[in-house]
Amino acid sequence: MLRWALFFLLIGLVAGVLGFGGIAGASFAIAKLLFFVFMLVFLVLLIAGLTVARRVSGG
């Protein structure tokens, strides 16, 4: 998912340099959305992993 966010960010940068404002804005919006979804999933899995590790180790 992070790879897709970087891909859309790159498309947005190239489109912005070439003067395609609408495509650049949409690509930046998609990249930002994907990045925040990635961060949310990462944090949920990190917290779940720490919780499971604490249960398994008996702490």
C-alpha atoms as a PDB file:
ATOM      1  CA  MET A   1       0.000   0.000   0.000  1.00  0.00           C
ATOM      2  CA  LEU A   2       2.861   2.343   0.748  1.00  0.00           C
ATOM      3  CA  ARG A   3       4.253   1.575  -2.691  1.00  0.00           C
ATOM      4  CA  TRP A   4       0.962   2.681  -4.274  1.00  0.00           C
ATOM      5  CA  ALA A   5       1.026   5.893  -2.252  1.00  0.00           C
ATOM      6  CA  LEU A   6       4.534   6.647  -3.500  1.00  0.00           C
ATOM      7  CA  PHE A   7       3.469   5.785  -7.044  1.00  0.00           C
ATOM      8  CA  PHE A   8       0.578   8.273  -6.968  1.00  0.00           C
ATOM      9  CA  LEU A   9       2.830  10.872  -5.348  1.00  0.00           C
ATOM     10  CA  LEU A  10       5.295  10.471  -8.215  1.00  0.00           C
ATOM     11  CA  ILE A  11       2.495  10.747 -10.781  1.00  0.00           C
ATOM     12  CA  GLY A  12       1.255  13.896  -9.040  1.00  0.00           C
ATOM     13  CA  LEU A  13       4.718  15.461  -9.063  1.00  0.00           C
ATOM     14  CA  VAL A  14       5.262  14.710 -12.752  1.00  0.00           C
ATOM     15  CA  ALA A  15       1.793  15.951 -13.672  1.00  0.00           C
ATOM     16  CA  GLY A  16       2.341  19.116 -11.633  1.00  0.00           C
ATOM     17  CA  VAL A  17       5.637  19.838 -13.364  1.00  0.00           C
ATOM     18  CA  LEU A  18       4.033  19.300 -16.764  1.00  0.00           C
ATOM     19  CA  GLY A  19       1.125  21.607 -15.903  1.00  0.00           C
ATOM     20  CA  PHE A  20      -1.712  19.131 -15.514  1.00  0.00           C
ATOM     21  CA  GLY A  21      -3.249  20.632 -12.380  1.00  0.00           C
ATOM     22  CA  GLY A  22      -6.339  18.432 -12.155  1.00  0.00           C
ATOM     23  CA  ILE A  23      -4.452  15.184 -12.514  1.00  0.00           C
ATOM     24  CA  ALA A  24      -1.768  16.376 -10.101  1.00  0.00           C
ATOM     25  CA  GLY A  25      -4.324  17.336  -7.454  1.00  0.00           C
ATOM     26  CA  ALA A  26      -6.170  14.047  -7.762  1.00  0.00           C
ATOM     27  CA  SER A  27      -2.938  12.056  -7.582  1.00  0.00           C
ATOM     28  CA  PHE A  28      -1.801  13.934  -4.481  1.00  0.00           C
ATOM     29  CA  ALA A  29      -5.185  13.330  -2.848  1.00  0.00           C
ATOM     30  CA  ILE A  30      -5.030   9.605  -3.599  1.00  0.00           C
ATOM     31  CA  ALA A  31      -1.432   9.415  -2.368  1.00  0.00           C
ATOM     32  CA  LYS A  32      -2.339  11.188   0.877  1.00  0.00           C
ATOM     33  CA  LEU A  33      -5.343   8.936   1.442  1.00  0.00           C
ATOM     34  CA  LEU A  34      -3.334   5.772   0.814  1.00  0.00           C
ATOM     35  CA  PHE A  35      -0.551   6.960   3.110  1.00  0.00           C
ATOM     36  CA  PHE A  36      -2.932   7.608   5.995  1.00  0.00           C
ATOM     37  CA  VAL A  37      -4.694   4.266   5.465  1.00  0.00           C
ATOM     38  CA  PHE A  38      -1.272   2.586   5.484  1.00  0.00           C
ATOM     39  CA  MET A  39      -0.336   4.336   8.740  1.00  0.00           C
ATOM     40  CA  LEU A  40      -3.646   3.360  10.346  1.00  0.00           C
ATOM     41  CA  VAL A  41      -3.247  -0.306   9.369  1.00  0.00           C
ATOM     42  CA  PHE A  42       0.371  -0.240  10.546  1.00  0.00           C
ATOM     43  CA  LEU A  43      -0.565   1.154  13.962  1.00  0.00           C
ATOM     44  CA  VAL A  44      -3.435  -1.308  14.432  1.00  0.00           C
ATOM     45  CA  LEU A  45      -1.203  -4.258  13.571  1.00  0.00           C
ATOM     46  CA  LEU A  46       1.602  -2.920  15.782  1.00  0.00           C
ATOM     47  CA  ILE A  47      -0.709  -2.608  18.782  1.00  0.00           C
ATOM     48  CA  ALA A  48      -2.231  -6.025  18.084  1.00  0.00           C
ATOM     49  CA  GLY A  49       1.225  -7.575  17.779  1.00  0.00           C
ATOM     50  CA  LEU A  50       2.384  -6.064  21.063  1.00  0.00           C
ATOM     51  CA  THR A  51      -0.784  -7.261  22.792  1.00  0.00           C
ATOM     52  CA  VAL A  52      -0.410 -10.807  21.482  1.00  0.00           C
ATOM     53  CA  ALA A  53       3.294 -10.878  22.380  1.00  0.00           C
ATOM     54  CA  ARG A  54       2.453  -9.809  25.928  1.00  0.00           C
ATOM     55  CA  ARG A  55      -0.145 -12.592  26.236  1.00  0.00           C
ATOM     56  CA  VAL A  56       2.167 -15.256  24.811  1.00  0.00           C
ATOM     57  CA  SER A  57       5.095 -14.328  27.042  1.00  0.00           C
ATOM     58  CA  GLY A  58       2.841 -14.217  30.110  1.00  0.00           C
ATOM     59  CA  GLY A  59       3.712 -10.632  31.010  1.00  0.00           C
END
